[in-house]
C-alpha atoms as a PDB file:
ATOM      1  CA  UNK A   1     132.790  58.526  87.230  1.00  0.00           C
ATOM      2  CA  UNK A   2     130.489  61.043  85.603  1.00  0.00           C
ATOM      3  CA  UNK A   3     127.565  59.749  83.624  1.00  0.00           C
ATOM      4  CA  UNK A   4     127.404  60.227  79.861  1.00  0.00           C
ATOM      5  CA  UNK A   5     125.955  63.639  79.103  1.00  0.00           C
ATOM      6  CA  UNK A   6     125.885  63.516  75.331  1.00  0.00           C
ATOM      7  CA  UNK A   7     122.155  63.319  75.173  1.00  0.00           C
ATOM      8  CA  UNK A   8     121.300  64.463  78.693  1.00  0.00           C
ATOM      9  CA  UNK A   9     120.140  67.952  77.606  1.00  0.00           C
ATOM     10  CA  UNK A  10     117.648  66.448  75.155  1.00  0.00           C
ATOM     11  CA  UNK A  11     116.444  63.909  77.626  1.00  0.00           C
ATOM     12  CA  UNK A  12     115.922  66.601  80.435  1.00  0.00           C
ATOM     13  CA  UNK A  13     114.225  68.844  77.872  1.00  0.00           C
ATOM     14  CA  UNK A  14     111.892  66.037  76.778  1.00  0.00           C
ATOM     15  CA  UNK A  15     111.208  65.235  80.476  1.00  0.00           C
ATOM     16  CA  UNK A  16     110.444  68.871  81.129  1.00  0.00           C
ATOM     17  CA  UNK A  17     107.984  69.025  78.298  1.00  0.00           C
ATOM     18  CA  UNK A  18     106.303  65.792  79.420  1.00  0.00           C
ATOM     19  CA  UNK A  19     106.109  67.068  82.964  1.00  0.00           C
ATOM     20  CA  UNK A  20     104.616  70.369  81.828  1.00  0.00           C
ATOM     21  CA  UNK A  21     102.049  68.591  79.721  1.00  0.00           C
ATOM     22  CA  UNK A  22     101.278  66.230  82.527  1.00  0.00           C
ATOM     23  CA  UNK A  23     100.831  69.103  85.029  1.00  0.00           C
ATOM     24  CA  UNK A  24      98.543  70.958  82.585  1.00  0.00           C
ATOM     25  CA  UNK A  25      96.471  67.827  81.893  1.00  0.00           C
ATOM     26  CA  UNK A  26      96.320  66.822  85.483  1.00  0.00           C
ATOM     27  CA  UNK A  27      95.180  70.243  86.697  1.00  0.00           C
ATOM     28  CA  UNK A  28      92.699  70.788  83.881  1.00  0.00           C
ATOM     29  CA  UNK A  29      91.135  67.344  84.200  1.00  0.00           C
ATOM     30  CA  UNK A  30      91.559  67.340  88.080  1.00  0.00           C
ATOM     31  CA  UNK A  31      93.400  64.010  87.733  1.00  0.00           C
ATOM     32  CA  UNK A  32      96.353  63.741  90.090  1.00  0.00           C
ATOM     33  CA  UNK A  33      97.220  60.275  88.751  1.00  0.00           C
ATOM     34  CA  UNK A  34      98.384  61.895  85.463  1.00  0.00           C
ATOM     35  CA  UNK A  35     100.818  64.051  87.324  1.00  0.00           C
ATOM     36  CA  UNK A  36     102.035  61.201  89.488  1.00  0.00           C
ATOM     37  CA  UNK A  37     102.659  59.044  86.387  1.00  0.00           C
ATOM     38  CA  UNK A  38     104.698  61.703  84.596  1.00  0.00           C
ATOM     39  CA  UNK A  39     106.989  61.909  87.607  1.00  0.00           C
ATOM     40  CA  UNK A  40     108.079  58.325  87.198  1.00  0.00           C
ATOM     41  CA  UNK A  41     110.440  58.767  84.229  1.00  0.00           C
ATOM     42  CA  UNK A  42     111.859  61.964  85.647  1.00  0.00           C
ATOM     43  CA  UNK A  43     112.638  60.280  88.927  1.00  0.00           C
ATOM     44  CA  UNK A  44     113.946  57.193  87.102  1.00  0.00           C
ATOM     45  CA  UNK A  45     116.371  59.322  85.153  1.00  0.00           C
ATOM     46  CA  UNK A  46     117.396  61.081  88.314  1.00  0.00           C
ATOM     47  CA  UNK A  47     118.195  57.641  89.827  1.00  0.00           C
ATOM     48  CA  UNK A  48     120.360  56.924  86.797  1.00  0.00           C
ATOM     49  CA  UNK A  49     122.155  60.343  86.917  1.00  0.00           C
ATOM     50  CA  UNK A  50     123.013  60.539  90.639  1.00  0.00           C
ATOM     51  CA  UNK A  51     126.265  59.103  91.784  1.00  0.00           C
ATOM     52  CA  UNK A  52     126.905  59.848  95.501  1.00  0.00           C
ATOM     53  CA  UNK A  53     125.835  57.355  98.116  1.00  0.00           C
ATOM     54  CA  UNK A  54     123.366  59.635  99.844  1.00  0.00           C
ATOM     55  CA  UNK A  55     122.006  61.274  96.625  1.00  0.00           C
ATOM     56  CA  UNK A  56     121.594  57.831  95.107  1.00  0.00           C
ATOM     57  CA  UNK A  57     119.702  56.810  98.245  1.00  0.00           C
ATOM     58  CA  UNK A  58     117.508  59.962  97.974  1.00  0.00           C
ATOM     59  CA  UNK A  59     116.766  59.225  94.323  1.00  0.00           C
ATOM     60  CA  UNK A  60     115.778  55.623  95.082  1.00  0.00           C
ATOM     61  CA  UNK A  61     113.687  56.861  97.969  1.00  0.00           C
ATOM     62  CA  UNK A  62     111.910  59.297  95.663  1.00  0.00           C
ATOM     63  CA  UNK A  63     111.179  56.455  93.244  1.00  0.00           C
ATOM     64  CA  UNK A  64     109.752  54.323  96.026  1.00  0.00           C
ATOM     65  CA  UNK A  65     107.653  57.315  97.261  1.00  0.00           C
ATOM     66  CA  UNK A  66     106.215  57.979  93.794  1.00  0.00           C
ATOM     67  CA  UNK A  67     105.213  54.309  93.479  1.00  0.00           C
ATOM     68  CA  UNK A  68     103.479  54.420  96.869  1.00  0.00           C
ATOM     69  CA  UNK A  69     101.944  57.792  95.799  1.00  0.00           C
ATOM     70  CA  UNK A  70     100.437  56.259  92.692  1.00  0.00           C
ATOM     71  CA  UNK A  71      98.881  53.476  94.837  1.00  0.00           C
ATOM     72  CA  UNK A  72      97.570  56.115  97.318  1.00  0.00           C
ATOM     73  CA  UNK A  73      96.003  58.185  94.577  1.00  0.00           C
ATOM     74  CA  UNK A  74      94.390  55.130  92.960  1.00  0.00           C
ATOM     75  CA  UNK A  75      93.060  53.698  96.199  1.00  0.00           C
ATOM     76  CA  UNK A  76      91.870  57.019  97.689  1.00  0.00           C
ATOM     77  CA  UNK A  77      92.964  56.262 101.211  1.00  0.00           C
ATOM     78  CA  UNK A  78      92.025  59.014 103.721  1.00  0.00           C
ATOM     79  CA  UNK A  79      92.655  59.504 107.424  1.00  0.00           C
ATOM     80  CA  UNK A  80      91.448  61.885 110.132  1.00  0.00           C
ATOM     81  CA  UNK A  81      94.325  63.769 111.615  1.00  0.00           C
ATOM     82  CA  UNK A  82      92.086  65.420 114.199  1.00  0.00           C
ATOM     83  CA  UNK A  83      92.338  62.227 116.237  1.00  0.00           C
ATOM     84  CA  UNK A  84      96.150  62.305 116.117  1.00  0.00           C
ATOM     85  CA  UNK A  85      96.435  65.634 117.885  1.00  0.00           C
ATOM     86  CA  UNK A  86      96.390  65.130 121.667  1.00  0.00           C
ATOM     87  CA  UNK A  87      94.894  68.461 122.598  1.00  0.00           C
ATOM     88  CA  UNK A  88      91.420  69.799 121.614  1.00  0.00           C
ATOM     89  CA  UNK A  89      92.523  71.844 118.593  1.00  0.00           C
ATOM     90  CA  UNK A  90      90.100  72.757 115.849  1.00  0.00           C
ATOM     91  CA  UNK A  91      91.717  72.259 112.365  1.00  0.00           C
ATOM     92  CA  UNK A  92      89.892  74.335 109.721  1.00  0.00           C
ATOM     93  CA  UNK A  93      88.507  73.156 106.411  1.00  0.00           C
ATOM     94  CA  UNK A  94      89.335  69.775 104.876  1.00  0.00           C
ATOM     95  CA  UNK A  95      92.578  69.552 106.835  1.00  0.00           C
ATOM     96  CA  UNK A  96      91.007  67.900 109.827  1.00  0.00           C
ATOM     97  CA  UNK A  97      88.780  65.157 108.560  1.00  0.00           C
ATOM     98  CA  UNK A  98      89.297  62.753 105.674  1.00  0.00           C
ATOM     99  CA  UNK A  99      92.625  64.032 104.592  1.00  0.00           C
ATOM    100  CA  UNK A 100      93.885  62.175 101.548  1.00  0.00           C
ATOM    101  CA  UNK A 101      96.907  60.037 102.342  1.00  0.00           C
ATOM    102  CA  UNK A 102      98.143  60.933  98.915  1.00  0.00           C
ATOM    103  CA  UNK A 103      99.098  64.396 100.214  1.00  0.00           C
ATOM    104  CA  UNK A 104     102.035  62.949 102.112  1.00  0.00           C
ATOM    105  CA  UNK A 105     103.988  61.806  99.010  1.00  0.00           C
ATOM    106  CA  UNK A 106     104.323  65.199  97.319  1.00  0.00           C
ATOM    107  CA  UNK A 107     105.527  66.750 100.576  1.00  0.00           C
ATOM    108  CA  UNK A 108     108.255  64.064 100.909  1.00  0.00           C
ATOM    109  CA  UNK A 109     109.141  64.469  97.256  1.00  0.00           C
ATOM    110  CA  UNK A 110     109.553  68.266  97.690  1.00  0.00           C
ATOM    111  CA  UNK A 111     111.940  67.651 100.560  1.00  0.00           C
ATOM    112  CA  UNK A 112     113.951  65.072  98.560  1.00  0.00           C
ATOM    113  CA  UNK A 113     114.091  67.291  95.498  1.00  0.00           C
ATOM    114  CA  UNK A 114     115.455  70.179  97.540  1.00  0.00           C
ATOM    115  CA  UNK A 115     117.999  67.808  99.064  1.00  0.00           C
ATOM    116  CA  UNK A 116     118.970  66.548  95.636  1.00  0.00           C
ATOM    117  CA  UNK A 117     119.295  70.108  94.298  1.00  0.00           C
ATOM    118  CA  UNK A 118     121.550  71.161  97.133  1.00  0.00           C
ATOM    119  CA  UNK A 119     123.658  68.045  97.237  1.00  0.00           C
ATOM    120  CA  UNK A 120     124.209  67.249  93.516  1.00  0.00           C
ATOM    121  CA  UNK A 121     126.859  69.027  91.496  1.00  0.00           C
ATOM    122  CA  UNK A 122     125.657  68.280  87.986  1.00  0.00           C
ATOM    123  CA  UNK A 123     123.544  70.563  85.910  1.00  0.00           C
ATOM    124  CA  UNK A 124     121.364  67.822  84.704  1.00  0.00           C
ATOM    125  CA  UNK A 125     120.635  66.288  88.158  1.00  0.00           C
ATOM    126  CA  UNK A 126     119.698  69.789  89.367  1.00  0.00           C
ATOM    127  CA  UNK A 127     117.512  70.264  86.388  1.00  0.00           C
ATOM    128  CA  UNK A 128     115.703  67.024  87.194  1.00  0.00           C
ATOM    129  CA  UNK A 129     115.285  67.883  90.827  1.00  0.00           C
ATOM    130  CA  UNK A 130     113.594  71.219  89.772  1.00  0.00           C
ATOM    131  CA  UNK A 131     111.279  69.253  87.595  1.00  0.00           C
ATOM    132  CA  UNK A 132     110.489  66.923  90.519  1.00  0.00           C
ATOM    133  CA  UNK A 133     109.907  69.958  92.772  1.00  0.00           C
ATOM    134  CA  UNK A 134     107.510  71.754  90.450  1.00  0.00           C
ATOM    135  CA  UNK A 135     105.606  68.564  89.570  1.00  0.00           C
ATOM    136  CA  UNK A 136     105.285  67.627  93.207  1.00  0.00           C
ATOM    137  CA  UNK A 137     103.775  70.946  94.113  1.00  0.00           C
ATOM    138  CA  UNK A 138     101.327  70.560  91.192  1.00  0.00           C
ATOM    139  CA  UNK A 139     100.502  67.060  92.422  1.00  0.00           C
ATOM    140  CA  UNK A 140      99.804  68.362  95.907  1.00  0.00           C
ATOM    141  CA  UNK A 141      97.619  71.076  94.485  1.00  0.00           C
ATOM    142  CA  UNK A 142      95.690  68.613  92.269  1.00  0.00           C
ATOM    143  CA  UNK A 143      94.949  66.267  95.141  1.00  0.00           C
ATOM    144  CA  UNK A 144      93.339  68.937  97.294  1.00  0.00           C
ATOM    145  CA  UNK A 145      93.132  72.416  95.748  1.00  0.00           C
ATOM    146  CA  UNK A 146      90.986  73.729  98.599  1.00  0.00           C
ATOM    147  CA  UNK A 147      93.607  72.774 101.185  1.00  0.00           C
ATOM    148  CA  UNK A 148      96.356  74.794  99.372  1.00  0.00           C
ATOM    149  CA  UNK A 149      94.039  77.814  99.166  1.00  0.00           C
ATOM    150  CA  UNK A 150      93.279  77.460 102.874  1.00  0.00           C
ATOM    151  CA  UNK A 151      96.902  77.265 103.786  1.00  0.00           C
ATOM    152  CA  UNK A 152      98.056  80.239 101.657  1.00  0.00           C
ATOM    153  CA  UNK A 153      95.110  82.376 102.671  1.00  0.00           C
ATOM    154  CA  UNK A 154      95.481  81.875 106.412  1.00  0.00           C
ATOM    155  CA  UNK A 155      95.958  85.185 108.280  1.00  0.00           C
ATOM    156  CA  UNK A 156      98.989  83.790 110.197  1.00  0.00           C
ATOM    157  CA  UNK A 157     100.873  82.869 106.973  1.00  0.00           C
ATOM    158  CA  UNK A 158      99.955  86.243 105.386  1.00  0.00           C
ATOM    159  CA  UNK A 159     101.333  87.987 108.435  1.00  0.00           C
ATOM    160  CA  UNK A 160     104.491  85.952 108.400  1.00  0.00           C
ATOM    161  CA  UNK A 161     104.952  86.734 104.679  1.00  0.00           C
ATOM    162  CA  UNK A 162     104.406  90.379 105.174  1.00  0.00           C
ATOM    163  CA  UNK A 163     106.859  90.530 108.139  1.00  0.00           C
ATOM    164  CA  UNK A 164     109.452  88.544 106.129  1.00  0.00           C
ATOM    165  CA  UNK A 165     109.094  90.996 103.185  1.00  0.00           C
ATOM    166  CA  UNK A 166     109.537  93.899 105.584  1.00  0.00           C
ATOM    167  CA  UNK A 167     112.573  92.385 107.195  1.00  0.00           C
ATOM    168  CA  UNK A 168     114.235  91.903 103.847  1.00  0.00           C
ATOM    169  CA  UNK A 169     113.345  95.359 102.621  1.00  0.00           C
ATOM    170  CA  UNK A 170     115.003  96.901 105.601  1.00  0.00           C
ATOM    171  CA  UNK A 171     118.274  94.989 105.168  1.00  0.00           C
END
């Protein structure tokens, strides 16, 4: 049975404004906790709106992930992924040593938001999944802006982007 949608547009609009304000404040103040906190009501409303078994499970999973993410941001847990790679491979920049554990949450949230966008049929649940996606990317950026710059400025990624653009232009 479809959820009540009488006030859904106003709730989604308010959540969009709150998320945008949280993103702006989080980036300007360099406080990822602000962004993580504004995600809680968005994801909670997504949990309420979703109806399918797997989409409901994904929504609940996102709620659990954001709670863990808030803890990870507050506690400042880091780990060294250089030791996890079995071969002698030099990882550039901040990616190798003392990687914030809080970077894992936004990545999972992006995956879940894409899944929710593809699997839900409702306009409002899709709207919420887009808010989650954008806010998760902003959260990732705020946790480690240097890492995002390193990733997007890598020569390999630039080459792949250029090749992808050329392939699509030729089609």
